Protein backbone atom coordinates (compact mmCIF):
# COMPACT_ATOMS: atom_id res chain seq x y z
CA MET A 1 -13.75 -12.50 14.51
CA GLY A 2 -13.27 -9.77 11.90
CA LEU A 3 -9.98 -8.67 13.41
CA LEU A 4 -8.59 -12.22 13.29
CA VAL A 5 -9.66 -12.63 9.66
CA MET A 6 -8.01 -9.30 8.79
CA ILE A 7 -4.80 -10.39 10.53
CA ALA A 8 -4.87 -13.72 8.64
CA GLY A 9 -5.23 -11.73 5.41
CA LEU A 10 -2.30 -9.50 6.36
CA VAL A 11 -0.18 -12.57 7.09
CA LEU A 12 -1.01 -13.99 3.64
CA PHE A 13 -0.64 -10.76 1.68
CA LEU A 14 2.41 -9.35 3.44
CA GLY A 15 3.93 -12.79 3.95
CA VAL A 16 4.01 -13.56 0.24
CA HIS A 17 5.43 -10.08 -0.43
CA LEU A 18 8.10 -10.50 2.25
CA ALA A 19 8.96 -13.96 0.90
CA ALA A 20 9.60 -12.36 -2.49
CA THR A 21 12.29 -10.17 -0.88
CA LYS A 22 14.24 -13.36 -0.06
CA ARG A 23 15.76 -13.62 -3.51
CA ASP A 24 17.30 -17.08 -3.10
CA PHE A 25 13.97 -18.48 -1.89
CA ARG A 26 12.14 -16.75 -4.76
CA ALA A 27 14.68 -18.03 -7.30
CA GLY A 28 14.26 -21.56 -5.93
CA LEU A 29 10.49 -21.39 -6.37
CA ILE A 30 10.83 -20.09 -9.92
CA SER A 31 13.41 -22.77 -10.70
CA SER A 32 11.17 -25.52 -9.30
CA TYR A 33 7.81 -24.42 -10.69
CA GLY A 34 8.59 -21.96 -13.49
CA ASP A 35 8.09 -18.22 -13.78
CA GLY A 36 4.43 -18.37 -14.88
CA PRO A 37 3.23 -20.68 -12.09
CA TYR A 38 5.23 -18.61 -9.55
CA LYS A 39 3.51 -15.41 -10.69
CA ILE A 40 0.08 -17.08 -10.71
CA GLY A 41 0.63 -18.48 -7.21
CA PHE A 42 1.91 -15.13 -5.96
CA SER A 43 -1.12 -13.36 -7.43
CA LEU A 44 -3.63 -15.87 -6.05
CA ILE A 45 -2.16 -15.76 -2.55
CA SER A 46 -2.05 -11.95 -2.68
CA ALA A 47 -5.67 -11.77 -3.87
CA ALA A 48 -6.80 -14.15 -1.12
CA GLY A 49 -4.96 -11.98 1.40
CA VAL A 50 -6.61 -8.80 0.13
CA ALA A 51 -10.05 -10.45 0.23
CA LEU A 52 -9.51 -11.53 3.85
CA ILE A 53 -8.16 -8.10 4.82
CA VAL A 54 -11.16 -6.31 3.29
CA TRP A 55 -13.77 -8.72 4.67
CA GLY A 56 -12.12 -8.83 8.10
CA PHE A 57 -11.72 -5.06 8.38
CA PHE A 58 -15.32 -4.36 7.35
CA HIS A 59 -16.61 -7.02 9.75
CA TYR A 60 -14.40 -5.61 12.53
CA ARG A 61 -15.70 -2.07 11.88
CA ALA A 62 -19.29 -3.28 11.97
CA THR A 63 -19.12 -5.52 15.04
CA GLY A 64 -15.96 -5.23 17.08
CA TRP A 65 -14.52 -1.71 17.04
CA ILE A 66 -11.82 -1.24 19.70
CA ASP A 67 -10.66 2.31 20.48
CA VAL A 68 -7.03 2.64 21.57
CA TRP A 69 -6.74 6.43 21.41
CA HIS A 70 -8.70 9.35 20.01
CA PRO A 71 -6.65 11.38 17.54
CA PRO A 72 -7.29 15.13 17.56
CA HIS A 73 -9.55 16.21 14.69
CA VAL A 74 -6.67 18.12 13.09
CA MET A 75 -5.00 14.77 12.36
CA LYS A 76 -7.71 13.99 9.81
CA HIS A 77 -6.83 17.19 7.94
CA ILE A 78 -3.11 16.38 8.13
CA ALA A 79 -3.85 12.89 6.79
CA GLU A 80 -5.91 14.40 3.96
CA ALA A 81 -2.95 16.59 3.02
CA LEU A 82 -0.46 13.69 3.17
CA ILE A 83 -2.55 11.37 1.02
CA LEU A 84 -2.28 13.67 -2.03
CA PRO A 85 1.52 13.34 -2.39
CA ALA A 86 1.21 9.64 -1.49
CA VAL A 87 -1.15 9.07 -4.44
CA ILE A 88 1.05 11.13 -6.75
CA LEU A 89 4.07 9.03 -5.76
CA VAL A 90 2.23 5.78 -6.51
CA VAL A 91 1.13 7.14 -9.90
CA ALA A 92 4.72 8.31 -10.57
CA SER A 93 5.89 4.72 -10.18
CA TYR A 94 3.88 3.89 -13.34
CA ILE A 95 4.26 7.19 -15.25
CA ARG A 96 7.98 7.36 -14.83
CA GLY A 97 9.76 10.69 -14.95
CA ARG A 98 12.18 12.61 -12.76
CA ILE A 99 10.16 11.81 -9.63
CA TYR A 100 10.76 8.12 -10.30
CA ALA A 101 14.44 8.66 -11.13
CA LYS A 102 15.01 10.70 -7.97
CA LEU A 103 13.18 8.42 -5.52
CA LYS A 104 13.93 5.09 -7.28
CA HIS A 105 10.96 3.48 -5.50
CA PRO A 106 8.15 6.07 -5.38
CA MET A 107 5.49 3.37 -4.88
CA LEU A 108 7.02 2.30 -1.58
CA ALA A 109 7.45 5.95 -0.56
CA GLY A 110 3.78 6.58 -1.41
CA ILE A 111 2.63 3.49 0.50
CA LYS A 112 4.66 4.53 3.55
CA LEU A 113 3.19 8.03 3.44
CA TRP A 114 -0.35 6.65 2.93
CA ALA A 115 -0.02 4.23 5.85
CA ALA A 116 1.52 6.84 8.15
CA ALA A 117 -1.27 9.31 7.30
CA HIS A 118 -3.90 6.70 8.18
CA LEU A 119 -2.14 5.93 11.45
CA LEU A 120 -2.28 9.62 12.37
CA ALA A 121 -6.02 9.84 11.69
CA ASN A 122 -7.21 6.52 13.15
CA GLY A 123 -6.88 5.43 16.75
CA ASP A 124 -8.69 2.09 16.73
CA LEU A 125 -6.90 -1.24 17.09
CA GLY A 126 -7.88 -2.58 13.66
CA SER A 127 -6.55 0.50 11.88
CA ILE A 128 -3.34 0.46 13.91
CA ILE A 129 -2.75 -3.21 13.01
CA LEU A 130 -3.71 -2.74 9.35
CA PHE A 131 -1.84 0.46 8.56
CA GLY A 132 1.04 -0.29 10.94
CA SER A 133 1.62 -3.67 9.26
CA ILE A 134 1.58 -2.13 5.79
CA LEU A 135 3.96 0.63 6.91
CA ALA A 136 6.33 -1.94 8.45
CA TRP A 137 6.24 -4.05 5.27
CA ALA A 138 7.03 -1.02 3.08
CA VAL A 139 9.98 -0.07 5.30
CA ILE A 140 11.31 -3.65 5.28
CA ASP A 141 10.86 -3.93 1.51
CA ARG A 142 12.70 -0.64 0.91
CA ILE A 143 15.59 -1.79 3.12
CA SER A 144 15.74 -5.11 1.27
CA LEU A 145 15.86 -3.30 -2.08
CA LYS A 146 19.00 -1.47 -0.95
CA HIS A 147 20.73 -4.80 -0.32
CA ARG A 148 19.58 -6.79 -3.35
CA LYS A 149 22.22 -7.80 -5.80
CA ASP A 150 19.89 -9.12 -8.51
CA PRO A 151 17.95 -6.84 -10.82
CA SER A 152 14.25 -6.66 -9.98
CA GLY A 153 13.18 -6.91 -13.62
CA LEU A 154 13.72 -5.54 -17.06
CA PRO A 155 14.69 -1.87 -17.13
CA ILE A 156 11.73 0.37 -17.92
CA PRO A 157 12.40 3.65 -19.76
CA VAL A 158 12.13 6.79 -17.66
CA GLY A 159 10.74 9.98 -19.18
CA GLY A 160 11.29 13.59 -18.23
CA VAL A 161 9.37 16.45 -16.68
CA ARG A 162 6.40 15.85 -19.01
CA ASN A 163 5.80 12.49 -17.32
CA ASP A 164 6.02 14.17 -13.92
CA VAL A 165 3.35 16.68 -14.91
CA ILE A 166 1.13 13.85 -16.16
CA ALA A 167 1.76 11.89 -12.92
CA VAL A 168 0.80 14.91 -10.80
CA VAL A 169 -2.39 15.60 -12.81
CA VAL A 170 -3.43 11.93 -12.79
CA GLY A 171 -2.52 11.75 -9.08
CA ILE A 172 -4.76 14.72 -8.29
CA VAL A 173 -7.67 13.18 -10.23
CA VAL A 174 -7.21 9.82 -8.48
CA TYR A 175 -6.94 11.57 -5.09
CA LEU A 176 -10.19 13.47 -5.68
CA ALA A 177 -11.95 10.30 -6.87
CA LEU A 178 -10.73 8.35 -3.83
CA GLY A 179 -11.80 11.12 -1.45
CA ALA A 180 -15.13 11.94 -3.06
CA LEU A 181 -16.31 8.50 -4.22
CA PHE A 182 -14.33 5.53 -2.94
CA HIS A 183 -13.73 6.48 0.69
CA PRO A 184 -17.25 7.65 1.61
CA TYR A 185 -19.19 5.07 -0.40
CA VAL A 186 -16.97 1.99 -0.15
CA VAL A 187 -15.13 2.53 3.15
CA GLY A 188 -18.03 4.42 4.69
CA VAL A 189 -15.91 7.26 6.02
CA PRO A 190 -16.21 10.71 4.42
CA VAL A 191 -12.95 12.47 3.72
CA PHE A 192 -13.62 15.94 2.42
CA GLY A 193 -15.48 18.32 4.71
CA ALA A 194 -15.50 15.85 7.60
């Protein structure tokens, strides 16, 4: 049951994000309903998807775990190491500096790295579906960005090396908080020292 709910959540969350990559479709929705209602609808569908993903995954972990393969223990350490730059890349998409300018889409790069790291460390069916779907979406979204002709929004100023230093420091703090607090207490899986 949990796995099906998680998959339904992934269909909602990733579906609405994939639909947004179809720029003519998106423009038609905005033209028909207006920008505000489009954004509200997008946000509500995304939030419902996230809620279903979280509930489904936790229910799956508690009642229906299905092992597909058993990753070697070293994969957990490799994943730990990959998550740090992934978090820094996501932070760099908000604190824009040279990292942002060089990568153009550091959030998608960070999400791809995060998902790939989790695929290396987890061999159960639910994790493979969850992280594999997110990785596939990030790859598809990045490809679609290369082919878009419309601007994705108003240009946001990009800073210099100072912003990169701030992004790295904030990224390290967020990484430590995720590993020490969020992952063991919310997800139920210890990261550091495991």
